[in-house]
C-alpha atoms as a PDB file:
ATOM      1  CA  MET A   1     -63.932 -63.159 -68.980  1.00  0.00           C
ATOM      2  CA  SER A   2     -64.614 -66.885 -69.247  1.00  0.00           C
ATOM      3  CA  SER A   3     -65.596 -68.909 -66.168  1.00  0.00           C
ATOM      4  CA  LYS A   4     -62.336 -70.884 -66.480  1.00  0.00           C
ATOM      5  CA  ASN A   5     -60.234 -67.754 -66.354  1.00  0.00           C
ATOM      6  CA  MET A   6     -62.262 -66.403 -63.440  1.00  0.00           C
ATOM      7  CA  LEU A   7     -61.698 -69.669 -61.548  1.00  0.00           C
ATOM      8  CA  ARG A   8     -57.994 -69.594 -62.251  1.00  0.00           C
ATOM      9  CA  ARG A   9     -57.762 -65.989 -61.114  1.00  0.00           C
ATOM     10  CA  ARG A  10     -59.663 -66.771 -57.927  1.00  0.00           C
ATOM     11  CA  ARG A  11     -57.384 -69.715 -57.202  1.00  0.00           C
ATOM     12  CA  LEU A  12     -54.313 -67.515 -57.822  1.00  0.00           C
ATOM     13  CA  ILE A  13     -55.629 -64.809 -55.447  1.00  0.00           C
ATOM     14  CA  ILE A  14     -56.339 -67.461 -52.761  1.00  0.00           C
ATOM     15  CA  PHE A  15     -52.890 -68.963 -53.256  1.00  0.00           C
ATOM     16  CA  LEU A  16     -51.155 -65.568 -53.053  1.00  0.00           C
ATOM     17  CA  ARG A  17     -53.114 -64.640 -49.926  1.00  0.00           C
ATOM     18  CA  THR A  18     -52.285 -67.954 -48.254  1.00  0.00           C
ATOM     19  CA  PHE A  19     -48.650 -67.745 -49.252  1.00  0.00           C
ATOM     20  CA  PHE A  20     -48.346 -64.129 -47.984  1.00  0.00           C
ATOM     21  CA  PHE A  21     -50.084 -65.028 -44.703  1.00  0.00           C
ATOM     22  CA  GLN A  22     -47.799 -68.048 -44.131  1.00  0.00           C
ATOM     23  CA  LEU A  23     -44.751 -65.936 -44.972  1.00  0.00           C
ATOM     24  CA  ILE A  24     -45.765 -63.299 -42.409  1.00  0.00           C
ATOM     25  CA  LYS A  25     -46.285 -66.003 -39.809  1.00  0.00           C
ATOM     26  CA  PHE A  26     -42.911 -67.529 -40.585  1.00  0.00           C
ATOM     27  CA  ILE A  27     -41.107 -64.155 -40.327  1.00  0.00           C
ATOM     28  CA  PHE A  28     -42.885 -63.380 -37.062  1.00  0.00           C
ATOM     29  CA  LEU A  29     -41.971 -66.846 -35.650  1.00  0.00           C
ATOM     30  CA  LEU A  30     -38.291 -66.320 -36.571  1.00  0.00           C
ATOM     31  CA  PHE A  31     -38.354 -62.911 -34.977  1.00  0.00           C
ATOM     32  CA  ALA A  32     -40.001 -64.209 -31.811  1.00  0.00           C
ATOM     33  CA  VAL A  33     -37.643 -67.174 -31.478  1.00  0.00           C
ATOM     34  CA  TYR A  34     -34.612 -64.972 -32.041  1.00  0.00           C
ATOM     35  CA  CYS A  35     -35.699 -62.348 -29.494  1.00  0.00           C
ATOM     36  CA  PHE A  36     -36.712 -64.967 -26.920  1.00  0.00           C
ATOM     37  CA  SER A  37     -33.410 -66.925 -27.267  1.00  0.00           C
ATOM     38  CA  GLU A  38     -31.347 -63.748 -26.977  1.00  0.00           C
ATOM     39  CA  THR A  39     -33.259 -62.617 -23.912  1.00  0.00           C
ATOM     40  CA  ILE A  40     -33.207 -65.938 -22.098  1.00  0.00           C
ATOM     41  CA  ASP A  41     -30.175 -67.776 -23.351  1.00  0.00           C
ATOM     42  CA  ARG A  42     -28.633 -69.229 -26.494  1.00  0.00           C
ATOM     43  CA  ILE A  43     -26.902 -72.442 -27.456  1.00  0.00           C
ATOM     44  CA  VAL A  44     -23.201 -72.115 -28.110  1.00  0.00           C
ATOM     45  CA  GLY A  45     -22.259 -75.771 -28.582  1.00  0.00           C
ATOM     46  CA  VAL A  46     -23.681 -79.299 -28.849  1.00  0.00           C
ATOM     47  CA  VAL A  47     -21.650 -82.395 -27.992  1.00  0.00           C
ATOM     48  CA  ASN A  48     -23.311 -85.683 -28.907  1.00  0.00           C
ATOM     49  CA  GLU A  49     -26.732 -84.099 -28.204  1.00  0.00           C
ATOM     50  CA  GLN A  50     -25.500 -82.494 -24.920  1.00  0.00           C
ATOM     51  CA  VAL A  51     -26.163 -78.779 -25.074  1.00  0.00           C
ATOM     52  CA  ILE A  52     -23.788 -76.073 -23.850  1.00  0.00           C
ATOM     53  CA  THR A  53     -25.382 -72.623 -23.410  1.00  0.00           C
ATOM     54  CA  LEU A  54     -23.961 -69.122 -23.160  1.00  0.00           C
ATOM     55  CA  THR A  55     -25.130 -69.143 -19.519  1.00  0.00           C
ATOM     56  CA  ASP A  56     -22.982 -72.243 -18.907  1.00  0.00           C
ATOM     57  CA  LEU A  57     -19.942 -70.367 -20.261  1.00  0.00           C
ATOM     58  CA  ARG A  58     -20.694 -67.311 -18.123  1.00  0.00           C
ATOM     59  CA  ILE A  59     -21.120 -69.379 -14.953  1.00  0.00           C
ATOM     60  CA  VAL A  60     -17.899 -71.283 -15.542  1.00  0.00           C
ATOM     61  CA  GLU A  61     -16.122 -67.984 -16.195  1.00  0.00           C
ATOM     62  CA  ALA A  62     -17.654 -66.133 -13.227  1.00  0.00           C
ATOM     63  CA  PHE A  63     -16.703 -68.821 -10.694  1.00  0.00           C
ATOM     64  CA  GLY A  64     -13.311 -69.759 -12.231  1.00  0.00           C
ATOM     65  CA  LEU A  65     -14.346 -73.344 -13.071  1.00  0.00           C
ATOM     66  CA  TYR A  66     -11.956 -73.632 -16.005  1.00  0.00           C
ATOM     67  CA  GLU A  67      -8.386 -74.685 -16.643  1.00  0.00           C
ATOM     68  CA  GLU A  68      -5.750 -72.917 -14.624  1.00  0.00           C
ATOM     69  CA  ASP A  69      -3.757 -72.316 -17.845  1.00  0.00           C
ATOM     70  CA  PHE A  70      -6.458 -69.943 -19.088  1.00  0.00           C
ATOM     71  CA  LYS A  71      -5.567 -67.359 -16.434  1.00  0.00           C
ATOM     72  CA  GLU A  72      -2.419 -66.633 -18.383  1.00  0.00           C
ATOM     73  CA  LYS A  73      -4.432 -65.833 -21.498  1.00  0.00           C
ATOM     74  CA  SER A  74      -5.650 -62.306 -22.328  1.00  0.00           C
ATOM     75  CA  GLY A  75      -8.832 -61.156 -24.047  1.00  0.00           C
ATOM     76  CA  ASP A  76     -12.084 -63.100 -24.334  1.00  0.00           C
ATOM     77  CA  LEU A  77     -11.788 -66.490 -22.600  1.00  0.00           C
ATOM     78  CA  ARG A  78     -15.173 -67.831 -23.667  1.00  0.00           C
ATOM     79  CA  PRO A  79     -14.025 -69.560 -26.911  1.00  0.00           C
ATOM     80  CA  LEU A  80     -11.336 -71.359 -24.839  1.00  0.00           C
ATOM     81  CA  ILE A  81     -13.838 -72.208 -22.125  1.00  0.00           C
ATOM     82  CA  LEU A  82     -16.209 -73.630 -24.772  1.00  0.00           C
ATOM     83  CA  GLU A  83     -13.453 -75.901 -26.119  1.00  0.00           C
ATOM     84  CA  TRP A  84     -12.651 -77.042 -22.620  1.00  0.00           C
ATOM     85  CA  LEU A  85     -16.299 -77.782 -21.768  1.00  0.00           C
ATOM     86  CA  ILE A  86     -16.587 -79.793 -24.987  1.00  0.00           C
ATOM     87  CA  ASP A  87     -13.523 -81.824 -23.901  1.00  0.00           C
ATOM     88  CA  GLN A  88     -14.935 -82.232 -20.412  1.00  0.00           C
ATOM     89  CA  LYS A  89     -18.252 -83.549 -21.651  1.00  0.00           C
ATOM     90  CA  LEU A  90     -16.564 -85.968 -24.078  1.00  0.00           C
ATOM     91  CA  VAL A  91     -14.324 -87.408 -21.333  1.00  0.00           C
ATOM     92  CA  ILE A  92     -17.129 -87.708 -18.764  1.00  0.00           C
ATOM     93  CA  ALA A  93     -19.414 -89.410 -21.301  1.00  0.00           C
ATOM     94  CA  LEU A  94     -16.705 -91.957 -21.981  1.00  0.00           C
ATOM     95  CA  ALA A  95     -15.758 -92.846 -18.405  1.00  0.00           C
ATOM     96  CA  GLY A  96     -17.814 -90.698 -16.051  1.00  0.00           C
ATOM     97  CA  LYS A  97     -20.121 -93.500 -14.911  1.00  0.00           C
ATOM     98  CA  GLU A  98     -17.211 -95.202 -13.174  1.00  0.00           C
ATOM     99  CA  ILE A  99     -16.098 -92.096 -11.257  1.00  0.00           C
ATOM    100  CA  PHE A 100     -17.760 -90.492  -8.264  1.00  0.00           C
ATOM    101  CA  ALA A 101     -17.104 -87.384  -6.154  1.00  0.00           C
ATOM    102  CA  GLU A 102     -17.605 -87.453  -2.409  1.00  0.00           C
ATOM    103  CA  ASN A 103     -19.459 -84.680  -0.592  1.00  0.00           C
ATOM    104  CA  GLU A 104     -16.211 -83.774   1.115  1.00  0.00           C
ATOM    105  CA  GLU A 105     -14.607 -83.081  -2.268  1.00  0.00           C
ATOM    106  CA  LEU A 106     -17.517 -80.868  -3.322  1.00  0.00           C
ATOM    107  CA  ASP A 107     -17.386 -79.041   0.014  1.00  0.00           C
ATOM    108  CA  SER A 108     -13.649 -78.492  -0.353  1.00  0.00           C
ATOM    109  CA  PHE A 109     -13.979 -77.102  -3.898  1.00  0.00           C
ATOM    110  CA  GLN A 110     -16.854 -74.855  -2.824  1.00  0.00           C
ATOM    111  CA  ALA A 111     -14.761 -73.523   0.062  1.00  0.00           C
ATOM    112  CA  ARG A 112     -11.956 -72.692  -2.324  1.00  0.00           C
ATOM    113  CA  ILE A 113     -14.375 -70.677  -4.504  1.00  0.00           C
ATOM    114  CA  ILE A 114     -15.584 -68.753  -1.438  1.00  0.00           C
ATOM    115  CA  GLU A 115     -12.044 -68.137  -0.271  1.00  0.00           C
ATOM    116  CA  LYS A 116     -11.071 -66.848  -3.752  1.00  0.00           C
ATOM    117  CA  LEU A 117     -14.113 -64.647  -4.372  1.00  0.00           C
ATOM    118  CA  GLY A 118     -15.166 -63.753  -0.817  1.00  0.00           C
ATOM    119  CA  ASN A 119     -18.584 -64.559   0.671  1.00  0.00           C
ATOM    120  CA  ASP A 120     -20.289 -61.382  -0.599  1.00  0.00           C
ATOM    121  CA  GLN A 121     -18.982 -61.621  -4.160  1.00  0.00           C
ATOM    122  CA  ALA A 122     -19.781 -65.334  -4.342  1.00  0.00           C
ATOM    123  CA  ARG A 123     -23.395 -64.591  -3.166  1.00  0.00           C
ATOM    124  CA  ILE A 124     -23.755 -61.731  -5.655  1.00  0.00           C
ATOM    125  CA  ARG A 125     -22.666 -63.966  -8.544  1.00  0.00           C
ATOM    126  CA  LEU A 126     -25.027 -66.720  -7.499  1.00  0.00           C
ATOM    127  CA  GLU A 127     -27.919 -64.240  -7.418  1.00  0.00           C
ATOM    128  CA  GLU A 128     -26.929 -62.858 -10.804  1.00  0.00           C
ATOM    129  CA  PHE A 129     -27.472 -66.284 -12.369  1.00  0.00           C
ATOM    130  CA  GLY A 130     -30.456 -67.183 -10.165  1.00  0.00           C
ATOM    131  CA  LEU A 131     -28.474 -70.075  -8.654  1.00  0.00           C
ATOM    132  CA  ASP A 132     -27.915 -71.481  -5.209  1.00  0.00           C
ATOM    133  CA  TRP A 133     -24.886 -73.503  -4.103  1.00  0.00           C
ATOM    134  CA  GLN A 134     -26.642 -76.775  -4.863  1.00  0.00           C
ATOM    135  CA  ASP A 135     -27.099 -75.653  -8.484  1.00  0.00           C
ATOM    136  CA  LEU A 136     -23.439 -74.641  -8.757  1.00  0.00           C
ATOM    137  CA  ARG A 137     -22.331 -77.979  -7.278  1.00  0.00           C
ATOM    138  CA  GLY A 138     -23.503 -79.588 -10.509  1.00  0.00           C
ATOM    139  CA  TYR A 139     -20.833 -77.650 -12.364  1.00  0.00           C
ATOM    140  CA  ILE A 140     -18.296 -78.373  -9.677  1.00  0.00           C
ATOM    141  CA  LEU A 141     -19.132 -82.059  -9.810  1.00  0.00           C
ATOM    142  CA  GLU A 142     -18.442 -82.236 -13.565  1.00  0.00           C
ATOM    143  CA  LYS A 143     -15.045 -80.561 -13.126  1.00  0.00           C
ATOM    144  CA  ILE A 144     -14.033 -82.906 -10.240  1.00  0.00           C
ATOM    145  CA  VAL A 145     -15.103 -86.019 -12.180  1.00  0.00           C
ATOM    146  CA  TYR A 146     -13.208 -84.815 -15.272  1.00  0.00           C
ATOM    147  CA  GLN A 147     -10.074 -84.182 -13.214  1.00  0.00           C
ATOM    148  CA  LYS A 148     -10.329 -87.647 -11.583  1.00  0.00           C
ATOM    149  CA  ILE A 149     -10.691 -89.390 -14.974  1.00  0.00           C
ATOM    150  CA  ILE A 150      -7.670 -87.606 -16.340  1.00  0.00           C
ATOM    151  CA  SER A 151      -5.652 -88.233 -13.196  1.00  0.00           C
ATOM    152  CA  ARG A 152      -6.430 -91.998 -13.241  1.00  0.00           C
ATOM    153  CA  LYS A 153      -5.636 -92.383 -16.938  1.00  0.00           C
ATOM    154  CA  PHE A 154      -2.499 -90.258 -17.044  1.00  0.00           C
ATOM    155  CA  GLY A 155      -1.376 -90.167 -13.417  1.00  0.00           C
ATOM    156  CA  GLN A 156       1.262 -92.866 -13.715  1.00  0.00           C
ATOM    157  CA  ARG A 157       4.737 -91.393 -13.180  1.00  0.00           C
ATOM    158  CA  ASN A 158       6.679 -91.406 -16.446  1.00  0.00           C
ATOM    159  CA  ILE A 159      10.346 -92.432 -16.500  1.00  0.00           C
ATOM    160  CA  VAL A 160      12.584 -89.559 -17.549  1.00  0.00           C
ATOM    161  CA  SER A 161      16.069 -90.348 -18.749  1.00  0.00           C
ATOM    162  CA  LEU A 162      19.140 -88.332 -17.805  1.00  0.00           C
ATOM    163  CA  LYS A 163      19.546 -87.500 -21.514  1.00  0.00           C
ATOM    164  CA  GLU A 164      16.075 -85.946 -21.583  1.00  0.00           C
ATOM    165  CA  ILE A 165      16.949 -83.873 -18.529  1.00  0.00           C
ATOM    166  CA  GLU A 166      20.229 -82.734 -20.020  1.00  0.00           C
ATOM    167  CA  ASP A 167      18.504 -81.720 -23.263  1.00  0.00           C
ATOM    168  CA  TYR A 168      15.766 -79.866 -21.449  1.00  0.00           C
ATOM    169  CA  TYR A 169      18.305 -78.047 -19.282  1.00  0.00           C
ATOM    170  CA  GLN A 170      20.283 -76.831 -22.310  1.00  0.00           C
ATOM    171  CA  GLN A 171      17.414 -76.118 -24.678  1.00  0.00           C
ATOM    172  CA  ASN A 172      14.723 -74.829 -22.352  1.00  0.00           C
ATOM    173  CA  TYR A 173      15.832 -74.077 -18.799  1.00  0.00           C
ATOM    174  CA  VAL A 174      19.036 -72.125 -19.515  1.00  0.00           C
ATOM    175  CA  PRO A 175      17.479 -69.929 -22.284  1.00  0.00           C
ATOM    176  CA  SER A 176      14.411 -69.191 -20.164  1.00  0.00           C
ATOM    177  CA  GLN A 177      16.605 -68.062 -17.233  1.00  0.00           C
ATOM    178  CA  ARG A 178      18.576 -65.786 -19.561  1.00  0.00           C
ATOM    179  CA  GLU A 179      15.376 -64.236 -20.889  1.00  0.00           C
ATOM    180  CA  LYS A 180      14.423 -63.394 -17.315  1.00  0.00           C
ATOM    181  CA  GLY A 181      17.843 -61.902 -16.647  1.00  0.00           C
ATOM    182  CA  LEU A 182      18.631 -64.658 -14.136  1.00  0.00           C
ATOM    183  CA  GLU A 183      21.635 -66.902 -13.802  1.00  0.00           C
ATOM    184  CA  ALA A 184      20.989 -70.579 -14.553  1.00  0.00           C
ATOM    185  CA  GLN A 185      21.602 -72.820 -11.600  1.00  0.00           C
ATOM    186  CA  PRO A 186      23.787 -75.945 -12.083  1.00  0.00           C
ATOM    187  CA  MET A 187      21.794 -78.841 -13.518  1.00  0.00           C
ATOM    188  CA  VAL A 188      22.327 -81.036 -10.475  1.00  0.00           C
ATOM    189  CA  GLU A 189      20.477 -78.463  -8.338  1.00  0.00           C
ATOM    190  CA  VAL A 190      17.405 -78.318 -10.560  1.00  0.00           C
ATOM    191  CA  LEU A 191      17.138 -82.024 -11.479  1.00  0.00           C
ATOM    192  CA  ASP A 192      13.806 -82.573  -9.670  1.00  0.00           C
ATOM    193  CA  GLU A 193      12.296 -79.385 -11.070  1.00  0.00           C
ATOM    194  CA  ILE A 194      13.251 -80.252 -14.635  1.00  0.00           C
ATOM    195  CA  GLU A 195      12.099 -83.831 -14.309  1.00  0.00           C
ATOM    196  CA  SER A 196       8.712 -82.564 -13.039  1.00  0.00           C
ATOM    197  CA  ARG A 197       8.382 -80.127 -15.951  1.00  0.00           C
ATOM    198  CA  ILE A 198       9.198 -82.829 -18.487  1.00  0.00           C
ATOM    199  CA  ILE A 199       6.620 -85.168 -16.986  1.00  0.00           C
ATOM    200  CA  GLN A 200       3.919 -82.468 -16.911  1.00  0.00           C
ATOM    201  CA  GLU A 201       4.591 -81.525 -20.531  1.00  0.00           C
ATOM    202  CA  GLU A 202       4.465 -85.185 -21.621  1.00  0.00           C
ATOM    203  CA  ILE A 203       1.220 -85.691 -19.765  1.00  0.00           C
ATOM    204  CA  LYS A 204      -0.346 -82.604 -21.380  1.00  0.00           C
ATOM    205  CA  THR A 205       0.664 -83.911 -24.784  1.00  0.00           C
ATOM    206  CA  GLN A 206      -0.828 -87.379 -24.063  1.00  0.00           C
ATOM    207  CA  ILE A 207      -4.074 -85.808 -22.789  1.00  0.00           C
ATOM    208  CA  LYS A 208      -4.299 -83.549 -25.846  1.00  0.00           C
ATOM    209  CA  ASP A 209      -3.762 -86.470 -28.293  1.00  0.00           C
ATOM    210  CA  TRP A 210      -6.276 -88.653 -26.471  1.00  0.00           C
ATOM    211  CA  ILE A 211      -8.999 -85.967 -26.491  1.00  0.00           C
ATOM    212  CA  LYS A 212      -8.255 -85.180 -30.114  1.00  0.00           C
ATOM    213  CA  ASN A 213      -9.068 -88.787 -31.009  1.00  0.00           C
ATOM    214  CA  LEU A 214     -12.270 -88.591 -28.916  1.00  0.00           C
ATOM    215  CA  ARG A 215     -13.298 -85.508 -30.856  1.00  0.00           C
ATOM    216  CA  LYS A 216     -12.877 -87.365 -34.185  1.00  0.00           C
ATOM    217  CA  LYS A 217     -15.530 -89.833 -33.104  1.00  0.00           C
ATOM    218  CA  ALA A 218     -17.957 -87.289 -31.683  1.00  0.00           C
ATOM    219  CA  ASP A 219     -20.699 -85.119 -33.155  1.00  0.00           C
ATOM    220  CA  ILE A 220     -19.693 -81.585 -32.199  1.00  0.00           C
ATOM    221  CA  GLN A 221     -21.283 -78.307 -33.228  1.00  0.00           C
ATOM    222  CA  LYS A 222     -19.870 -74.909 -32.154  1.00  0.00           C
ATOM    223  CA  LEU A 223     -22.121 -71.866 -32.448  1.00  0.00           C
ATOM    224  CA  LEU A 224     -20.045 -69.266 -30.596  1.00  0.00           C
END
C-alpha cells in the first residue's frame, strides 16, 4: 500500500473515530437534558421571551388561580390555563407598569384561597411545590394586576337599548328557562338581570377581540 493511501486511510479512521465520539456525546447530552428537564420541570410556553413552565400551570391549577369560567369545563384544564396565562402575560406586559396591587388586596386574595382550601390543604399544596406564601403571592399579584387592567379598560357601563333587552328575552332567556323546565318570568321583572347579562357578554367579546389583536403582534410558542 502506498504512503498516500496509508495516509488517507489513517485520516479516515481518525475522522470516523472523532465523528463517532462526538455523536455519542451528542446523544448522551440529549438524553441528559431530556431526563433532567422531565425530572425538574419543562417549558410549556413562551410569550415574548417570558417562559411559562409546567410547574406554573400546576400551581395555578392547584390554588385555583384561573378564570372562574374554567370551573364549568370538564377534563384536563391545563391547555385552557396555558392560554389564559399567555393572555395574562400579554396584557400585563402592555399596561402592567401602570397598575399596582396593595398589600390589603393580596392579603384578601390569600384569605380567600385559605377559606376555599382550608389551612391544612393550603399548607400541603405549598409544601408540595416547595413554596411559601410569599412565593405564591407573586402568582396572586399577576392575577390581581391583570384583573385591574381589564376592569379599567372595559369597566365602563355599556348602554343597552330596550330592543336589545327584548331580543335577548325572546331569543335567550325564554328558551333557557324552558330547557330547565321553568316558567319564564315577565320581561319587566327580569329587566335588570337581562341587562346585566347583555353587558357581561359584550364585555367578554370586547376583551376577547382585544387580546386576539395583542396575540397577533406577539411572539408566542406553545409546547404543551
